[in-house]
mmCIF file of all heavy atoms, coordinates in Angstrom:
data_MODEL
# 
_entry.id   MODEL 
# 
loop_
_atom_site.group_PDB 
_atom_site.id 
_atom_site.type_symbol 
_atom_site.label_atom_id 
_atom_site.label_alt_id 
_atom_site.label_comp_id 
_atom_site.label_asym_id 
_atom_site.label_entity_id 
_atom_site.label_seq_id 
_atom_site.pdbx_PDB_ins_code 
_atom_site.Cartn_x 
_atom_site.Cartn_y 
_atom_site.Cartn_z 
_atom_site.occupancy 
_atom_site.B_iso_or_equiv 
_atom_site.pdbx_formal_charge 
_atom_site.auth_seq_id 
_atom_site.auth_comp_id 
_atom_site.auth_asym_id 
_atom_site.auth_atom_id 
_atom_site.pdbx_PDB_model_num 
ATOM 1   N N   . LEU A 1 1  ? 7.185  -26.951 18.645 1.00 0.00 ? 1  LEU A N   1 
ATOM 2   C CA  . LEU A 1 1  ? 7.725  -25.848 17.848 1.00 0.00 ? 1  LEU A CA  1 
ATOM 3   C C   . LEU A 1 1  ? 6.710  -24.718 17.725 1.00 0.00 ? 1  LEU A C   1 
ATOM 4   O O   . LEU A 1 1  ? 5.519  -24.960 17.527 1.00 0.00 ? 1  LEU A O   1 
ATOM 5   C CB  . LEU A 1 1  ? 8.095  -26.331 16.446 1.00 0.00 ? 1  LEU A CB  1 
ATOM 6   C CG  . LEU A 1 1  ? 9.232  -27.354 16.351 1.00 0.00 ? 1  LEU A CG  1 
ATOM 7   C CD1 . LEU A 1 1  ? 9.398  -27.825 14.907 1.00 0.00 ? 1  LEU A CD1 1 
ATOM 8   C CD2 . LEU A 1 1  ? 10.541 -26.771 16.874 1.00 0.00 ? 1  LEU A CD2 1 
ATOM 9   N N   . VAL A 1 2  ? 7.213  -23.488 17.845 1.00 0.00 ? 2  VAL A N   1 
ATOM 10  C CA  . VAL A 1 2  ? 6.421  -22.296 17.557 1.00 0.00 ? 2  VAL A CA  1 
ATOM 11  C C   . VAL A 1 2  ? 6.850  -21.780 16.185 1.00 0.00 ? 2  VAL A C   1 
ATOM 12  O O   . VAL A 1 2  ? 8.043  -21.792 15.847 1.00 0.00 ? 2  VAL A O   1 
ATOM 13  C CB  . VAL A 1 2  ? 6.603  -21.209 18.645 1.00 0.00 ? 2  VAL A CB  1 
ATOM 14  C CG1 . VAL A 1 2  ? 8.056  -20.800 18.811 1.00 0.00 ? 2  VAL A CG1 1 
ATOM 15  C CG2 . VAL A 1 2  ? 5.742  -19.986 18.340 1.00 0.00 ? 2  VAL A CG2 1 
ATOM 16  N N   . TYR A 1 3  ? 5.860  -21.371 15.388 1.00 0.00 ? 3  TYR A N   1 
ATOM 17  C CA  . TYR A 1 3  ? 6.113  -20.927 14.016 1.00 0.00 ? 3  TYR A CA  1 
ATOM 18  C C   . TYR A 1 3  ? 5.658  -19.482 13.846 1.00 0.00 ? 3  TYR A C   1 
ATOM 19  O O   . TYR A 1 3  ? 4.589  -19.102 14.330 1.00 0.00 ? 3  TYR A O   1 
ATOM 20  C CB  . TYR A 1 3  ? 5.341  -21.800 13.021 1.00 0.00 ? 3  TYR A CB  1 
ATOM 21  C CG  . TYR A 1 3  ? 5.627  -23.276 13.121 1.00 0.00 ? 3  TYR A CG  1 
ATOM 22  C CD1 . TYR A 1 3  ? 4.863  -24.100 13.952 1.00 0.00 ? 3  TYR A CD1 1 
ATOM 23  C CD2 . TYR A 1 3  ? 6.638  -23.864 12.370 1.00 0.00 ? 3  TYR A CD2 1 
ATOM 24  C CE1 . TYR A 1 3  ? 5.107  -25.464 14.033 1.00 0.00 ? 3  TYR A CE1 1 
ATOM 25  C CE2 . TYR A 1 3  ? 6.890  -25.243 12.450 1.00 0.00 ? 3  TYR A CE2 1 
ATOM 26  C CZ  . TYR A 1 3  ? 6.120  -26.026 13.287 1.00 0.00 ? 3  TYR A CZ  1 
ATOM 27  O OH  . TYR A 1 3  ? 6.357  -27.368 13.366 1.00 0.00 ? 3  TYR A OH  1 
ATOM 28  N N   . TYR A 1 4  ? 6.443  -18.698 13.114 1.00 0.00 ? 4  TYR A N   1 
ATOM 29  C CA  . TYR A 1 4  ? 6.075  -17.299 12.861 1.00 0.00 ? 4  TYR A CA  1 
ATOM 30  C C   . TYR A 1 4  ? 6.925  -16.771 11.709 1.00 0.00 ? 4  TYR A C   1 
ATOM 31  O O   . TYR A 1 4  ? 7.873  -17.442 11.263 1.00 0.00 ? 4  TYR A O   1 
ATOM 32  C CB  . TYR A 1 4  ? 6.301  -16.446 14.120 1.00 0.00 ? 4  TYR A CB  1 
ATOM 33  C CG  . TYR A 1 4  ? 7.763  -16.292 14.487 1.00 0.00 ? 4  TYR A CG  1 
ATOM 34  C CD1 . TYR A 1 4  ? 8.475  -15.152 14.142 1.00 0.00 ? 4  TYR A CD1 1 
ATOM 35  C CD2 . TYR A 1 4  ? 8.440  -17.307 15.158 1.00 0.00 ? 4  TYR A CD2 1 
ATOM 36  C CE1 . TYR A 1 4  ? 9.820  -15.021 14.464 1.00 0.00 ? 4  TYR A CE1 1 
ATOM 37  C CE2 . TYR A 1 4  ? 9.774  -17.188 15.480 1.00 0.00 ? 4  TYR A CE2 1 
ATOM 38  C CZ  . TYR A 1 4  ? 10.464 -16.045 15.130 1.00 0.00 ? 4  TYR A CZ  1 
ATOM 39  O OH  . TYR A 1 4  ? 11.792 -15.918 15.438 1.00 0.00 ? 4  TYR A OH  1 
ATOM 40  N N   . GLY A 1 5  ? 6.585  -15.572 11.233 1.00 0.00 ? 5  GLY A N   1 
ATOM 41  C CA  . GLY A 1 5  ? 7.338  -14.953 10.154 1.00 0.00 ? 5  GLY A CA  1 
ATOM 42  C C   . GLY A 1 5  ? 7.952  -13.636 10.575 1.00 0.00 ? 5  GLY A C   1 
ATOM 43  O O   . GLY A 1 5  ? 7.462  -12.968 11.484 1.00 0.00 ? 5  GLY A O   1 
ATOM 44  N N   . THR A 1 6  ? 9.047  -13.261 9.901  1.00 0.00 ? 6  THR A N   1 
ATOM 45  C CA  . THR A 1 6  ? 9.712  -11.987 10.182 1.00 0.00 ? 6  THR A CA  1 
ATOM 46  C C   . THR A 1 6  ? 9.443  -10.994 9.057  1.00 0.00 ? 6  THR A C   1 
ATOM 47  O O   . THR A 1 6  ? 9.149  -11.378 7.925  1.00 0.00 ? 6  THR A O   1 
ATOM 48  C CB  . THR A 1 6  ? 11.225 -12.172 10.357 1.00 0.00 ? 6  THR A CB  1 
ATOM 49  O OG1 . THR A 1 6  ? 11.796 -12.675 9.139  1.00 0.00 ? 6  THR A OG1 1 
ATOM 50  C CG2 . THR A 1 6  ? 11.517 -13.151 11.480 1.00 0.00 ? 6  THR A CG2 1 
ATOM 51  N N   . GLY A 1 7  ? 9.569  -9.710  9.381  1.00 0.00 ? 7  GLY A N   1 
ATOM 52  C CA  . GLY A 1 7  ? 9.189  -8.638  8.463  1.00 0.00 ? 7  GLY A CA  1 
ATOM 53  C C   . GLY A 1 7  ? 10.310 -8.195  7.540  1.00 0.00 ? 7  GLY A C   1 
ATOM 54  O O   . GLY A 1 7  ? 11.356 -8.832  7.409  1.00 0.00 ? 7  GLY A O   1 
ATOM 55  N N   . ASN A 1 8  ? 10.067 -7.051  6.906  1.00 0.00 ? 8  ASN A N   1 
ATOM 56  C CA  . ASN A 1 8  ? 10.978 -6.510  5.901  1.00 0.00 ? 8  ASN A CA  1 
ATOM 57  C C   . ASN A 1 8  ? 12.287 -6.022  6.515  1.00 0.00 ? 8  ASN A C   1 
ATOM 58  O O   . ASN A 1 8  ? 12.340 -5.641  7.675  1.00 0.00 ? 8  ASN A O   1 
ATOM 59  C CB  . ASN A 1 8  ? 10.316 -5.352  5.155  1.00 0.00 ? 8  ASN A CB  1 
ATOM 60  C CG  . ASN A 1 8  ? 9.902  -4.235  6.094  1.00 0.00 ? 8  ASN A CG  1 
ATOM 61  O OD1 . ASN A 1 8  ? 8.946  -4.370  6.842  1.00 0.00 ? 8  ASN A OD1 1 
ATOM 62  N ND2 . ASN A 1 8  ? 10.618 -3.115  6.079  1.00 0.00 ? 8  ASN A ND2 1 
ATOM 63  N N   . PRO A 1 9  ? 13.360 -6.027  5.719  1.00 0.00 ? 9  PRO A N   1 
ATOM 64  C CA  . PRO A 1 9  ? 14.600 -5.393  6.173  1.00 0.00 ? 9  PRO A CA  1 
ATOM 65  C C   . PRO A 1 9  ? 14.464 -3.869  6.140  1.00 0.00 ? 9  PRO A C   1 
ATOM 66  O O   . PRO A 1 9  ? 13.649 -3.330  5.393  1.00 0.00 ? 9  PRO A O   1 
ATOM 67  C CB  . PRO A 1 9  ? 15.635 -5.879  5.161  1.00 0.00 ? 9  PRO A CB  1 
ATOM 68  C CG  . PRO A 1 9  ? 14.863 -6.205  3.929  1.00 0.00 ? 9  PRO A CG  1 
ATOM 69  C CD  . PRO A 1 9  ? 13.485 -6.620  4.386  1.00 0.00 ? 9  PRO A CD  1 
ATOM 70  N N   . SER A 1 10 ? 15.252 -3.192  6.953  1.00 0.00 ? 10 SER A N   1 
ATOM 71  C CA  . SER A 1 10 ? 15.296 -1.725  6.939  1.00 0.00 ? 10 SER A CA  1 
ATOM 72  C C   . SER A 1 10 ? 16.581 -1.299  6.226  1.00 0.00 ? 10 SER A C   1 
ATOM 73  O O   . SER A 1 10 ? 17.639 -1.867  6.449  1.00 0.00 ? 10 SER A O   1 
ATOM 74  C CB  . SER A 1 10 ? 15.325 -1.184  8.368  1.00 0.00 ? 10 SER A CB  1 
ATOM 75  O OG  . SER A 1 10 ? 14.203 -1.597  9.098  1.00 0.00 ? 10 SER A OG  1 
ATOM 76  N N   . THR A 1 11 ? 16.472 -0.329  5.357  1.00 0.00 ? 11 THR A N   1 
ATOM 77  C CA  . THR A 1 11 ? 15.400 0.543   4.946  1.00 0.00 ? 11 THR A CA  1 
ATOM 78  C C   . THR A 1 11 ? 14.693 -0.038  3.726  1.00 0.00 ? 11 THR A C   1 
ATOM 79  O O   . THR A 1 11 ? 15.118 -1.055  3.184  1.00 0.00 ? 11 THR A O   1 
ATOM 80  C CB  . THR A 1 11 ? 15.950 1.933   4.637  1.00 0.00 ? 11 THR A CB  1 
ATOM 81  O OG1 . THR A 1 11 ? 15.525 2.466   3.390  1.00 0.00 ? 11 THR A OG1 1 
ATOM 82  C CG2 . THR A 1 11 ? 17.454 1.902   4.462  1.00 0.00 ? 11 THR A CG2 1 
ATOM 83  N N   . TRP A 1 12 ? 13.641 0.684   3.268  1.00 0.00 ? 12 TRP A N   1 
ATOM 84  C CA  . TRP A 1 12 ? 12.957 0.263   2.044  1.00 0.00 ? 12 TRP A CA  1 
ATOM 85  C C   . TRP A 1 12 ? 13.814 0.512   0.794  1.00 0.00 ? 12 TRP A C   1 
ATOM 86  O O   . TRP A 1 12 ? 13.477 0.047   -0.286 1.00 0.00 ? 12 TRP A O   1 
ATOM 87  C CB  . TRP A 1 12 ? 11.634 1.016   1.894  1.00 0.00 ? 12 TRP A CB  1 
ATOM 88  C CG  . TRP A 1 12 ? 10.562 0.602   2.850  1.00 0.00 ? 12 TRP A CG  1 
ATOM 89  C CD1 . TRP A 1 12 ? 10.701 -0.163  3.981  1.00 0.00 ? 12 TRP A CD1 1 
ATOM 90  C CD2 . TRP A 1 12 ? 9.179  0.945   2.772  1.00 0.00 ? 12 TRP A CD2 1 
ATOM 91  N NE1 . TRP A 1 12 ? 9.499  -0.320  4.611  1.00 0.00 ? 12 TRP A NE1 1 
ATOM 92  C CE2 . TRP A 1 12 ? 8.537  0.366   3.886  1.00 0.00 ? 12 TRP A CE2 1 
ATOM 93  C CE3 . TRP A 1 12 ? 8.422  1.694   1.885  1.00 0.00 ? 12 TRP A CE3 1 
ATOM 94  C CZ2 . TRP A 1 12 ? 7.181  0.502   4.133  1.00 0.00 ? 12 TRP A CZ2 1 
ATOM 95  C CZ3 . TRP A 1 12 ? 7.059  1.842   2.117  1.00 0.00 ? 12 TRP A CZ3 1 
ATOM 96  C CH2 . TRP A 1 12 ? 6.442  1.245   3.222  1.00 0.00 ? 12 TRP A CH2 1 
ATOM 97  N N   . ASN A 1 13 ? 14.897 1.272   0.949  1.00 0.00 ? 13 ASN A N   1 
ATOM 98  C CA  . ASN A 1 13 ? 15.811 1.525   -0.175 1.00 0.00 ? 13 ASN A CA  1 
ATOM 99  C C   . ASN A 1 13 ? 16.846 0.406   -0.215 1.00 0.00 ? 13 ASN A C   1 
ATOM 100 O O   . ASN A 1 13 ? 17.781 0.377   0.591  1.00 0.00 ? 13 ASN A O   1 
ATOM 101 C CB  . ASN A 1 13 ? 16.501 2.874   0.001  1.00 0.00 ? 13 ASN A CB  1 
ATOM 102 C CG  . ASN A 1 13 ? 17.511 3.158   -1.103 1.00 0.00 ? 13 ASN A CG  1 
ATOM 103 O OD1 . ASN A 1 13 ? 17.605 2.433   -2.093 1.00 0.00 ? 13 ASN A OD1 1 
ATOM 104 N ND2 . ASN A 1 13 ? 18.303 4.203   -0.924 1.00 0.00 ? 13 ASN A ND2 1 
ATOM 105 N N   . PRO A 1 14 ? 16.720 -0.551  -1.151 1.00 0.00 ? 14 PRO A N   1 
ATOM 106 C CA  . PRO A 1 14 ? 17.610 -1.718  -1.127 1.00 0.00 ? 14 PRO A CA  1 
ATOM 107 C C   . PRO A 1 14 ? 19.074 -1.375  -1.380 1.00 0.00 ? 14 PRO A C   1 
ATOM 108 O O   . PRO A 1 14 ? 19.959 -2.124  -0.960 1.00 0.00 ? 14 PRO A O   1 
ATOM 109 C CB  . PRO A 1 14 ? 17.040 -2.624  -2.221 1.00 0.00 ? 14 PRO A CB  1 
ATOM 110 C CG  . PRO A 1 14 ? 16.245 -1.728  -3.111 1.00 0.00 ? 14 PRO A CG  1 
ATOM 111 C CD  . PRO A 1 14 ? 15.722 -0.627  -2.243 1.00 0.00 ? 14 PRO A CD  1 
ATOM 112 N N   . ALA A 1 15 ? 19.331 -0.250  -2.048 1.00 0.00 ? 15 ALA A N   1 
ATOM 113 C CA  . ALA A 1 15 ? 20.716 0.111   -2.358 1.00 0.00 ? 15 ALA A CA  1 
ATOM 114 C C   . ALA A 1 15 ? 21.555 0.301   -1.095 1.00 0.00 ? 15 ALA A C   1 
ATOM 115 O O   . ALA A 1 15 ? 22.784 0.160   -1.131 1.00 0.00 ? 15 ALA A O   1 
ATOM 116 C CB  . ALA A 1 15 ? 20.743 1.390   -3.197 1.00 0.00 ? 15 ALA A CB  1 
ATOM 117 N N   . GLN A 1 16 ? 20.898 0.596   0.034  1.00 0.00 ? 16 GLN A N   1 
ATOM 118 C CA  . GLN A 1 16 ? 21.629 0.860   1.274  1.00 0.00 ? 16 GLN A CA  1 
ATOM 119 C C   . GLN A 1 16 ? 21.921 -0.405  2.082  1.00 0.00 ? 16 GLN A C   1 
ATOM 120 O O   . GLN A 1 16 ? 22.570 -0.335  3.128  1.00 0.00 ? 16 GLN A O   1 
ATOM 121 C CB  . GLN A 1 16 ? 20.843 1.849   2.134  1.00 0.00 ? 16 GLN A CB  1 
ATOM 122 C CG  . GLN A 1 16 ? 20.793 3.244   1.537  1.00 0.00 ? 16 GLN A CG  1 
ATOM 123 C CD  . GLN A 1 16 ? 20.047 4.231   2.416  1.00 0.00 ? 16 GLN A CD  1 
ATOM 124 O OE1 . GLN A 1 16 ? 19.033 4.799   2.029  1.00 0.00 ? 16 GLN A OE1 1 
ATOM 125 N NE2 . GLN A 1 16 ? 20.556 4.447   3.621  1.00 0.00 ? 16 GLN A NE2 1 
ATOM 126 N N   . ARG A 1 17 ? 21.440 -1.572  1.604  1.00 0.00 ? 17 ARG A N   1 
ATOM 127 C CA  . ARG A 1 17 ? 21.653 -2.816  2.363  1.00 0.00 ? 17 ARG A CA  1 
ATOM 128 C C   . ARG A 1 17 ? 21.846 -3.995  1.414  1.00 0.00 ? 17 ARG A C   1 
ATOM 129 O O   . ARG A 1 17 ? 21.062 -4.946  1.402  1.00 0.00 ? 17 ARG A O   1 
ATOM 130 C CB  . ARG A 1 17 ? 20.469 -3.080  3.305  1.00 0.00 ? 17 ARG A CB  1 
ATOM 131 C CG  . ARG A 1 17 ? 19.120 -2.865  2.657  1.00 0.00 ? 17 ARG A CG  1 
ATOM 132 C CD  . ARG A 1 17 ? 17.962 -3.346  3.495  1.00 0.00 ? 17 ARG A CD  1 
ATOM 133 N NE  . ARG A 1 17 ? 16.706 -3.042  2.835  1.00 0.00 ? 17 ARG A NE  1 
ATOM 134 C CZ  . ARG A 1 17 ? 16.173 -3.731  1.832  1.00 0.00 ? 17 ARG A CZ  1 
ATOM 135 N NH1 . ARG A 1 17 ? 16.805 -4.785  1.360  1.00 0.00 ? 17 ARG A NH1 1 
ATOM 136 N NH2 . ARG A 1 17 ? 15.014 -3.369  1.300  1.00 0.00 ? 17 ARG A NH2 1 
ATOM 137 N N   . PRO A 1 18 ? 22.908 -3.960  0.589  1.00 0.00 ? 18 PRO A N   1 
ATOM 138 C CA  . PRO A 1 18 ? 23.136 -5.060  -0.358 1.00 0.00 ? 18 PRO A CA  1 
ATOM 139 C C   . PRO A 1 18 ? 23.280 -6.399  0.370  1.00 0.00 ? 18 PRO A C   1 
ATOM 140 O O   . PRO A 1 18 ? 23.752 -6.458  1.504  1.00 0.00 ? 18 PRO A O   1 
ATOM 141 C CB  . PRO A 1 18 ? 24.441 -4.658  -1.050 1.00 0.00 ? 18 PRO A CB  1 
ATOM 142 C CG  . PRO A 1 18 ? 25.088 -3.666  -0.130 1.00 0.00 ? 18 PRO A CG  1 
ATOM 143 C CD  . PRO A 1 18 ? 23.973 -2.949  0.549  1.00 0.00 ? 18 PRO A CD  1 
ATOM 144 N N   . GLY A 1 19 ? 22.838 -7.456  -0.298 1.00 0.00 ? 19 GLY A N   1 
ATOM 145 C CA  . GLY A 1 19 ? 22.897 -8.801  0.286  1.00 0.00 ? 19 GLY A CA  1 
ATOM 146 C C   . GLY A 1 19 ? 21.515 -9.380  0.480  1.00 0.00 ? 19 GLY A C   1 
ATOM 147 O O   . GLY A 1 19 ? 20.505 -8.709  0.277  1.00 0.00 ? 19 GLY A O   1 
ATOM 148 N N   . ASP A 1 20 ? 21.448 -10.628 0.925  1.00 0.00 ? 20 ASP A N   1 
ATOM 149 C CA  . ASP A 1 20 ? 20.160 -11.308 1.128  1.00 0.00 ? 20 ASP A CA  1 
ATOM 150 C C   . ASP A 1 20 ? 19.423 -10.827 2.377  1.00 0.00 ? 20 ASP A C   1 
ATOM 151 O O   . ASP A 1 20 ? 18.232 -11.099 2.541  1.00 0.00 ? 20 ASP A O   1 
ATOM 152 C CB  . ASP A 1 20 ? 20.372 -12.823 1.222  1.00 0.00 ? 20 ASP A CB  1 
ATOM 153 C CG  . ASP A 1 20 ? 20.440 -13.492 -0.141 1.00 0.00 ? 20 ASP A CG  1 
ATOM 154 O OD1 . ASP A 1 20 ? 20.284 -12.786 -1.159 1.00 0.00 ? 20 ASP A OD1 1 
ATOM 155 O OD2 . ASP A 1 20 ? 20.668 -14.716 -0.186 1.00 0.00 ? 20 ASP A OD2 1 
ATOM 156 N N   . ASN A 1 21 ? 20.158 -10.149 3.291  1.00 0.00 ? 21 ASN A N   1 
ATOM 157 C CA  . ASN A 1 21 ? 19.535 -9.618  4.513  1.00 0.00 ? 21 ASN A CA  1 
ATOM 158 C C   . ASN A 1 21 ? 18.841 -10.706 5.330  1.00 0.00 ? 21 ASN A C   1 
ATOM 159 O O   . ASN A 1 21 ? 17.714 -10.555 5.797  1.00 0.00 ? 21 ASN A O   1 
ATOM 160 C CB  . ASN A 1 21 ? 18.541 -8.500  4.190  1.00 0.00 ? 21 ASN A CB  1 
ATOM 161 C CG  . ASN A 1 21 ? 19.123 -7.370  3.342  1.00 0.00 ? 21 ASN A CG  1 
ATOM 162 O OD1 . ASN A 1 21 ? 18.451 -6.807  2.502  1.00 0.00 ? 21 ASN A OD1 1 
ATOM 163 N ND2 . ASN A 1 21 ? 20.382 -7.044  3.568  1.00 0.00 ? 21 ASN A ND2 1 
ATOM 164 N N   . LYS A 1 22 ? 19.525 -11.835 5.512  1.00 0.00 ? 22 LYS A N   1 
ATOM 165 C CA  . LYS A 1 22 ? 18.986 -12.912 6.362  1.00 0.00 ? 22 LYS A CA  1 
ATOM 166 C C   . LYS A 1 22 ? 19.032 -12.490 7.834  1.00 0.00 ? 22 LYS A C   1 
ATOM 167 O O   . LYS A 1 22 ? 19.925 -11.775 8.239  1.00 0.00 ? 22 LYS A O   1 
ATOM 168 C CB  . LYS A 1 22 ? 19.807 -14.191 6.187  1.00 0.00 ? 22 LYS A CB  1 
ATOM 169 C CG  . LYS A 1 22 ? 19.622 -14.879 4.829  1.00 0.00 ? 22 LYS A CG  1 
ATOM 170 C CD  . LYS A 1 22 ? 20.444 -16.143 4.747  1.00 0.00 ? 22 LYS A CD  1 
ATOM 171 C CE  . LYS A 1 22 ? 20.056 -17.037 3.598  1.00 0.00 ? 22 LYS A CE  1 
ATOM 172 N NZ  . LYS A 1 22 ? 20.139 -16.497 2.279  1.00 0.00 ? 22 LYS A NZ  1 
ATOM 173 N N   . TRP A 1 23 ? 18.030 -12.897 8.663  1.00 0.00 ? 23 TRP A N   1 
ATOM 174 C CA  . TRP A 1 23 ? 16.866 -13.688 8.311  1.00 0.00 ? 23 TRP A CA  1 
ATOM 175 C C   . TRP A 1 23 ? 15.603 -12.839 8.405  1.00 0.00 ? 23 TRP A C   1 
ATOM 176 O O   . TRP A 1 23 ? 14.676 -13.162 9.134  1.00 0.00 ? 23 TRP A O   1 
ATOM 177 C CB  . TRP A 1 23 ? 16.762 -14.928 9.181  1.00 0.00 ? 23 TRP A CB  1 
ATOM 178 C CG  . TRP A 1 23 ? 17.892 -15.877 8.944  1.00 0.00 ? 23 TRP A CG  1 
ATOM 179 C CD1 . TRP A 1 23 ? 19.029 -15.998 9.671  1.00 0.00 ? 23 TRP A CD1 1 
ATOM 180 C CD2 . TRP A 1 23 ? 17.981 -16.841 7.882  1.00 0.00 ? 23 TRP A CD2 1 
ATOM 181 N NE1 . TRP A 1 23 ? 19.834 -16.978 9.131  1.00 0.00 ? 23 TRP A NE1 1 
ATOM 182 C CE2 . TRP A 1 23 ? 19.214 -17.513 8.028  1.00 0.00 ? 23 TRP A CE2 1 
ATOM 183 C CE3 . TRP A 1 23 ? 17.149 -17.189 6.813  1.00 0.00 ? 23 TRP A CE3 1 
ATOM 184 C CZ2 . TRP A 1 23 ? 19.636 -18.519 7.157  1.00 0.00 ? 23 TRP A CZ2 1 
ATOM 185 C CZ3 . TRP A 1 23 ? 17.575 -18.199 5.957  1.00 0.00 ? 23 TRP A CZ3 1 
ATOM 186 C CH2 . TRP A 1 23 ? 18.799 -18.854 6.131  1.00 0.00 ? 23 TRP A CH2 1 
ATOM 187 N N   . THR A 1 24 ? 15.593 -11.715 7.669  1.00 0.00 ? 24 THR A N   1 
ATOM 188 C CA  . THR A 1 24 ? 14.336 -11.012 7.451  1.00 0.00 ? 24 THR A CA  1 
ATOM 189 C C   . THR A 1 24 ? 13.511 -11.821 6.463  1.00 0.00 ? 24 THR A C   1 
ATOM 190 O O   . THR A 1 24 ? 14.021 -12.725 5.790  1.00 0.00 ? 24 THR A O   1 
ATOM 191 C CB  . THR A 1 24 ? 14.561 -9.602  6.885  1.00 0.00 ? 24 THR A CB  1 
ATOM 192 O OG1 . THR A 1 24 ? 15.169 -9.716  5.577  1.00 0.00 ? 24 THR A OG1 1 
ATOM 193 C CG2 . THR A 1 24 ? 15.481 -8.774  7.783  1.00 0.00 ? 24 THR A CG2 1 
ATOM 194 N N   . MET A 1 25 ? 12.212 -11.540 6.384  1.00 0.00 ? 25 MET A N   1 
ATOM 195 C CA  . MET A 1 25 ? 11.342 -12.174 5.385  1.00 0.00 ? 25 MET A CA  1 
ATOM 196 C C   . MET A 1 25 ? 11.386 -13.700 5.473  1.00 0.00 ? 25 MET A C   1 
ATOM 197 O O   . MET A 1 25 ? 11.408 -14.408 4.477  1.00 0.00 ? 25 MET A O   1 
ATOM 198 C CB  . MET A 1 25 ? 11.752 -11.742 3.976  1.00 0.00 ? 25 MET A CB  1 
ATOM 199 C CG  . MET A 1 25 ? 11.909 -10.245 3.809  1.00 0.00 ? 25 MET A CG  1 
ATOM 200 S SD  . MET A 1 25 ? 10.399 -9.361  4.196  1.00 0.00 ? 25 MET A SD  1 
ATOM 201 C CE  . MET A 1 25 ? 9.323  -10.013 2.971  1.00 0.00 ? 25 MET A CE  1 
ATOM 202 N N   . THR A 1 26 ? 11.400 -14.209 6.701  1.00 0.00 ? 26 THR A N   1 
ATOM 203 C CA  . THR A 1 26 ? 11.725 -15.610 6.934  1.00 0.00 ? 26 THR A CA  1 
ATOM 204 C C   . THR A 1 26 ? 10.676 -16.299 7.800  1.00 0.00 ? 26 THR A C   1 
ATOM 205 O O   . THR A 1 26 ? 10.141 -15.705 8.738  1.00 0.00 ? 26 THR A O   1 
ATOM 206 C CB  . THR A 1 26 ? 13.107 -15.701 7.624  1.00 0.00 ? 26 THR A CB  1 
ATOM 207 O OG1 . THR A 1 26 ? 14.122 -15.258 6.713  1.00 0.00 ? 26 THR A OG1 1 
ATOM 208 C CG2 . THR A 1 26 ? 13.425 -17.110 8.091  1.00 0.00 ? 26 THR A CG2 1 
ATOM 209 N N   . ILE A 1 27 ? 10.402 -17.568 7.492  1.00 0.00 ? 27 ILE A N   1 
ATOM 210 C CA  . ILE A 1 27 ? 9.616  -18.425 8.379  1.00 0.00 ? 27 ILE A CA  1 
ATOM 211 C C   . ILE A 1 27 ? 10.580 -19.080 9.367  1.00 0.00 ? 27 ILE A C   1 
ATOM 212 O O   . ILE A 1 27 ? 11.562 -19.706 8.956  1.00 0.00 ? 27 ILE A O   1 
ATOM 213 C CB  . ILE A 1 27 ? 8.856  -19.511 7.600  1.00 0.00 ? 27 ILE A CB  1 
ATOM 214 C CG1 . ILE A 1 27 ? 7.908  -18.882 6.568  1.00 0.00 ? 27 ILE A CG1 1 
ATOM 215 C CG2 . ILE A 1 27 ? 8.082  -20.417 8.555  1.00 0.00 ? 27 ILE A CG2 1 
ATOM 216 C CD1 . ILE A 1 27 ? 7.254  -19.891 5.632  1.00 0.00 ? 27 ILE A CD1 1 
ATOM 217 N N   . PHE A 1 28 ? 10.297 -18.906 10.651 1.00 0.00 ? 28 PHE A N   1 
ATOM 218 C CA  . PHE A 1 28 ? 11.091 -19.530 11.715 1.00 0.00 ? 28 PHE A CA  1 
ATOM 219 C C   . PHE A 1 28 ? 10.290 -20.642 12.385 1.00 0.00 ? 28 PHE A C   1 
ATOM 220 O O   . PHE A 1 28 ? 9.087  -20.482 12.629 1.00 0.00 ? 28 PHE A O   1 
ATOM 221 C CB  . PHE A 1 28 ? 11.437 -18.506 12.799 1.00 0.00 ? 28 PHE A CB  1 
ATOM 222 C CG  . PHE A 1 28 ? 12.729 -17.758 12.599 1.00 0.00 ? 28 PHE A CG  1 
ATOM 223 C CD1 . PHE A 1 28 ? 12.769 -16.619 11.801 1.00 0.00 ? 28 PHE A CD1 1 
ATOM 224 C CD2 . PHE A 1 28 ? 13.898 -18.184 13.216 1.00 0.00 ? 28 PHE A CD2 1 
ATOM 225 C CE1 . PHE A 1 28 ? 13.953 -15.907 11.639 1.00 0.00 ? 28 PHE A CE1 1 
ATOM 226 C CE2 . PHE A 1 28 ? 15.086 -17.487 13.054 1.00 0.00 ? 28 PHE A CE2 1 
ATOM 227 C CZ  . PHE A 1 28 ? 15.121 -16.341 12.255 1.00 0.00 ? 28 PHE A CZ  1 
# 
């Protein structure tokens, strides 16, 4: 297994992307 993390969702304004925004901010 290879392990790594993913970055932030786009945009930094959360109002424009309601929801958990999977799988940003995630360990894979």
